[in-house]
Amino acid sequence: MLILEAEAIQPIGYNFFQLGGYGPMSIVTLLLIALLLAAWKAPAWVKEIGLIALALGFLWQAIYLIRRGDAIQSVDANSISPNITWMGVKCSLIPSAYCVTVYIVSLIIRIARKPRV
C-alpha cells in the first residue's frame, strides 16, 4: 500500500506531561530548573538535587502502582481490559523516567565540572 506523506509524518500524539500527572511532572521540572541553576551558582548542590529527583521517581512509581492496584482490586478483574491496565502502568512510568533523566543530567554536570588533573 502507498503511504501518504501526511500519514507518515504524524506525531505520536502523547502529551507526556499530562499522562504523567501535572503534579509530579511540575515538581520534577522545577527540580530540573534548580539543577541547571545550581550547576551555575552552587555546584555542590547538583548531586543532592539529582538524588532528590531519583528518590521522588521511585516514590511516585510506588504510589501510582498502589493506586492502580487498588482501582483494579475494587472492580471485577474480568471487566478490565488489559489495554487499560497497561496504559495505567505506562502512565506510572512516565514521571519515573523523567526523574531518572534529571538524575542522569546531574551526573553529566558533575562529570563536566570535576577538576582535571
C-alpha atoms as a PDB file:
ATOM      1  CA  MET A   1       0.000   0.000   0.000  1.00  0.00           C
ATOM      2  CA  LEU A   2       1.044   3.508  -0.670  1.00  0.00           C
ATOM      3  CA  ILE A   3       1.570   5.583   2.474  1.00  0.00           C
ATOM      4  CA  LEU A   4       0.769   9.230   2.082  1.00  0.00           C
ATOM      5  CA  GLU A   5       3.362  11.687   3.301  1.00  0.00           C
ATOM      6  CA  ALA A   6       0.913  13.327   5.698  1.00  0.00           C
ATOM      7  CA  GLU A   7       0.267   9.971   7.388  1.00  0.00           C
ATOM      8  CA  ALA A   8       3.975   9.175   7.693  1.00  0.00           C
ATOM      9  CA  ILE A   9       4.773  12.460   9.445  1.00  0.00           C
ATOM     10  CA  GLN A  10       2.037  12.248  12.085  1.00  0.00           C
ATOM     11  CA  PRO A  11       3.337  12.863  15.615  1.00  0.00           C
ATOM     12  CA  ILE A  12       2.992  10.185  18.253  1.00  0.00           C
ATOM     13  CA  GLY A  13       0.171  12.117  19.865  1.00  0.00           C
ATOM     14  CA  TYR A  14       1.102  11.647  23.524  1.00  0.00           C
ATOM     15  CA  ASN A  15       1.241  14.537  25.918  1.00  0.00           C
ATOM     16  CA  PHE A  16       3.711  13.069  28.398  1.00  0.00           C
ATOM     17  CA  PHE A  17       3.311  15.948  30.836  1.00  0.00           C
ATOM     18  CA  GLN A  18      -0.432  15.308  31.081  1.00  0.00           C
ATOM     19  CA  LEU A  19      -0.155  11.491  31.119  1.00  0.00           C
ATOM     20  CA  GLY A  20       2.483  11.562  33.853  1.00  0.00           C
ATOM     21  CA  GLY A  21       0.364  13.829  36.045  1.00  0.00           C
ATOM     22  CA  TYR A  22       0.666  17.581  36.340  1.00  0.00           C
ATOM     23  CA  GLY A  23       1.814  17.476  39.983  1.00  0.00           C
ATOM     24  CA  PRO A  24       4.774  15.104  39.717  1.00  0.00           C
ATOM     25  CA  MET A  25       5.868  16.369  36.312  1.00  0.00           C
ATOM     26  CA  SER A  26       5.771  20.007  37.500  1.00  0.00           C
ATOM     27  CA  ILE A  27       7.841  19.205  40.581  1.00  0.00           C
ATOM     28  CA  VAL A  28      10.440  17.349  38.532  1.00  0.00           C
ATOM     29  CA  THR A  29      10.564  20.226  36.036  1.00  0.00           C
ATOM     30  CA  LEU A  30      11.223  22.614  38.925  1.00  0.00           C
ATOM     31  CA  LEU A  31      13.971  20.262  40.111  1.00  0.00           C
ATOM     32  CA  LEU A  32      15.487  20.309  36.625  1.00  0.00           C
ATOM     33  CA  ILE A  33      15.474  24.115  36.609  1.00  0.00           C
ATOM     34  CA  ALA A  34      17.003  24.144  40.110  1.00  0.00           C
ATOM     35  CA  LEU A  35      19.624  21.668  38.922  1.00  0.00           C
ATOM     36  CA  LEU A  36      20.617  23.867  35.995  1.00  0.00           C
ATOM     37  CA  LEU A  37      20.765  26.947  38.238  1.00  0.00           C
ATOM     38  CA  ALA A  38      22.780  25.045  40.845  1.00  0.00           C
ATOM     39  CA  ALA A  39      25.277  23.981  38.188  1.00  0.00           C
ATOM     40  CA  TRP A  40      25.910  27.644  37.603  1.00  0.00           C
ATOM     41  CA  LYS A  41      25.613  29.144  41.118  1.00  0.00           C
ATOM     42  CA  ALA A  42      26.016  26.318  43.674  1.00  0.00           C
ATOM     43  CA  PRO A  43      27.761  23.284  42.150  1.00  0.00           C
ATOM     44  CA  ALA A  44      27.828  21.447  45.489  1.00  0.00           C
ATOM     45  CA  TRP A  45      24.041  21.052  45.334  1.00  0.00           C
ATOM     46  CA  VAL A  46      23.981  19.296  41.951  1.00  0.00           C
ATOM     47  CA  LYS A  47      24.399  15.842  43.489  1.00  0.00           C
ATOM     48  CA  GLU A  48      21.677  16.376  46.091  1.00  0.00           C
ATOM     49  CA  ILE A  49      19.148  17.735  43.593  1.00  0.00           C
ATOM     50  CA  GLY A  50      19.768  14.769  41.295  1.00  0.00           C
ATOM     51  CA  LEU A  51      19.324  12.322  44.174  1.00  0.00           C
ATOM     52  CA  ILE A  52      16.092  14.026  45.247  1.00  0.00           C
ATOM     53  CA  ALA A  53      14.752  13.628  41.703  1.00  0.00           C
ATOM     54  CA  LEU A  54      15.748   9.951  41.654  1.00  0.00           C
ATOM     55  CA  ALA A  55      14.136   9.264  45.042  1.00  0.00           C
ATOM     56  CA  LEU A  56      10.939  11.058  44.013  1.00  0.00           C
ATOM     57  CA  GLY A  57      10.793   8.927  40.879  1.00  0.00           C
ATOM     58  CA  PHE A  58      10.796   5.730  42.932  1.00  0.00           C
ATOM     59  CA  LEU A  59       8.281   7.200  45.377  1.00  0.00           C
ATOM     60  CA  TRP A  60       5.839   8.227  42.631  1.00  0.00           C
ATOM     61  CA  GLN A  61       6.220   4.861  40.929  1.00  0.00           C
ATOM     62  CA  ALA A  62       5.218   3.101  44.156  1.00  0.00           C
ATOM     63  CA  ILE A  63       2.301   5.479  44.783  1.00  0.00           C
ATOM     64  CA  TYR A  64       0.977   5.116  41.240  1.00  0.00           C
ATOM     65  CA  LEU A  65       1.206   1.324  41.283  1.00  0.00           C
ATOM     66  CA  ILE A  66      -0.533   1.115  44.663  1.00  0.00           C
ATOM     67  CA  ARG A  67      -3.332   3.380  43.418  1.00  0.00           C
ATOM     68  CA  ARG A  68      -3.686   1.369  40.190  1.00  0.00           C
ATOM     69  CA  GLY A  69      -3.741  -1.858  42.193  1.00  0.00           C
ATOM     70  CA  ASP A  70      -6.483  -0.508  44.460  1.00  0.00           C
ATOM     71  CA  ALA A  71      -8.537   0.543  41.445  1.00  0.00           C
ATOM     72  CA  ILE A  72      -8.186  -2.869  39.801  1.00  0.00           C
ATOM     73  CA  GLN A  73      -8.930  -4.666  43.052  1.00  0.00           C
ATOM     74  CA  SER A  74     -12.125  -2.691  43.613  1.00  0.00           C
ATOM     75  CA  VAL A  75     -13.794  -3.952  40.406  1.00  0.00           C
ATOM     76  CA  ASP A  76     -14.244  -7.342  38.788  1.00  0.00           C
ATOM     77  CA  ALA A  77     -10.931  -8.397  37.231  1.00  0.00           C
ATOM     78  CA  ASN A  78     -12.655  -9.793  34.146  1.00  0.00           C
ATOM     79  CA  SER A  79     -14.272  -6.450  33.333  1.00  0.00           C
ATOM     80  CA  ILE A  80     -10.949  -4.608  32.942  1.00  0.00           C
ATOM     81  CA  SER A  81      -9.280  -4.689  29.567  1.00  0.00           C
ATOM     82  CA  PRO A  82      -5.538  -5.440  29.508  1.00  0.00           C
ATOM     83  CA  ASN A  83      -5.093  -2.312  27.378  1.00  0.00           C
ATOM     84  CA  ILE A  84      -6.449  -0.132  30.168  1.00  0.00           C
ATOM     85  CA  THR A  85      -4.247  -1.872  32.723  1.00  0.00           C
ATOM     86  CA  TRP A  86      -1.097  -1.423  30.655  1.00  0.00           C
ATOM     87  CA  MET A  87      -1.947   2.196  29.881  1.00  0.00           C
ATOM     88  CA  GLY A  88      -2.053   2.783  33.635  1.00  0.00           C
ATOM     89  CA  VAL A  89       1.328   1.097  34.071  1.00  0.00           C
ATOM     90  CA  LYS A  90       2.750   3.163  31.204  1.00  0.00           C
ATOM     91  CA  CYS A  91       1.439   6.381  32.734  1.00  0.00           C
ATOM     92  CA  SER A  92       3.024   5.450  36.058  1.00  0.00           C
ATOM     93  CA  LEU A  93       6.410   5.008  34.368  1.00  0.00           C
ATOM     94  CA  ILE A  94       6.474   8.465  32.757  1.00  0.00           C
ATOM     95  CA  PRO A  95       7.368  10.506  35.901  1.00  0.00           C
ATOM     96  CA  SER A  96       9.907   7.864  36.913  1.00  0.00           C
ATOM     97  CA  ALA A  97      11.614   8.034  33.529  1.00  0.00           C
ATOM     98  CA  TYR A  98      11.659  11.831  33.752  1.00  0.00           C
ATOM     99  CA  CYS A  99      13.205  11.656  37.244  1.00  0.00           C
ATOM    100  CA  VAL A 100      15.908   9.255  36.049  1.00  0.00           C
ATOM    101  CA  THR A 101      16.615  11.633  33.146  1.00  0.00           C
ATOM    102  CA  VAL A 102      17.082  14.525  35.591  1.00  0.00           C
ATOM    103  CA  TYR A 103      19.440  12.333  37.638  1.00  0.00           C
ATOM    104  CA  ILE A 104      21.460  11.485  34.513  1.00  0.00           C
ATOM    105  CA  VAL A 105      21.705  15.202  33.709  1.00  0.00           C
ATOM    106  CA  SER A 106      23.021  15.801  37.238  1.00  0.00           C
ATOM    107  CA  LEU A 107      25.666  13.100  36.721  1.00  0.00           C
ATOM    108  CA  ILE A 108      26.733  14.645  33.421  1.00  0.00           C
ATOM    109  CA  ILE A 109      27.006  18.088  35.054  1.00  0.00           C
ATOM    110  CA  ARG A 110      29.064  16.637  37.928  1.00  0.00           C
ATOM    111  CA  ILE A 111      31.417  14.900  35.476  1.00  0.00           C
ATOM    112  CA  ALA A 112      31.813  18.068  33.410  1.00  0.00           C
ATOM    113  CA  ARG A 113      32.568  20.179  36.492  1.00  0.00           C
ATOM    114  CA  LYS A 114      35.200  17.867  38.010  1.00  0.00           C
ATOM    115  CA  PRO A 115      38.657  19.369  38.098  1.00  0.00           C
ATOM    116  CA  ARG A 116      41.018  17.983  35.533  1.00  0.00           C
ATOM    117  CA  VAL A 117      44.403  16.656  36.592  1.00  0.00           C
END
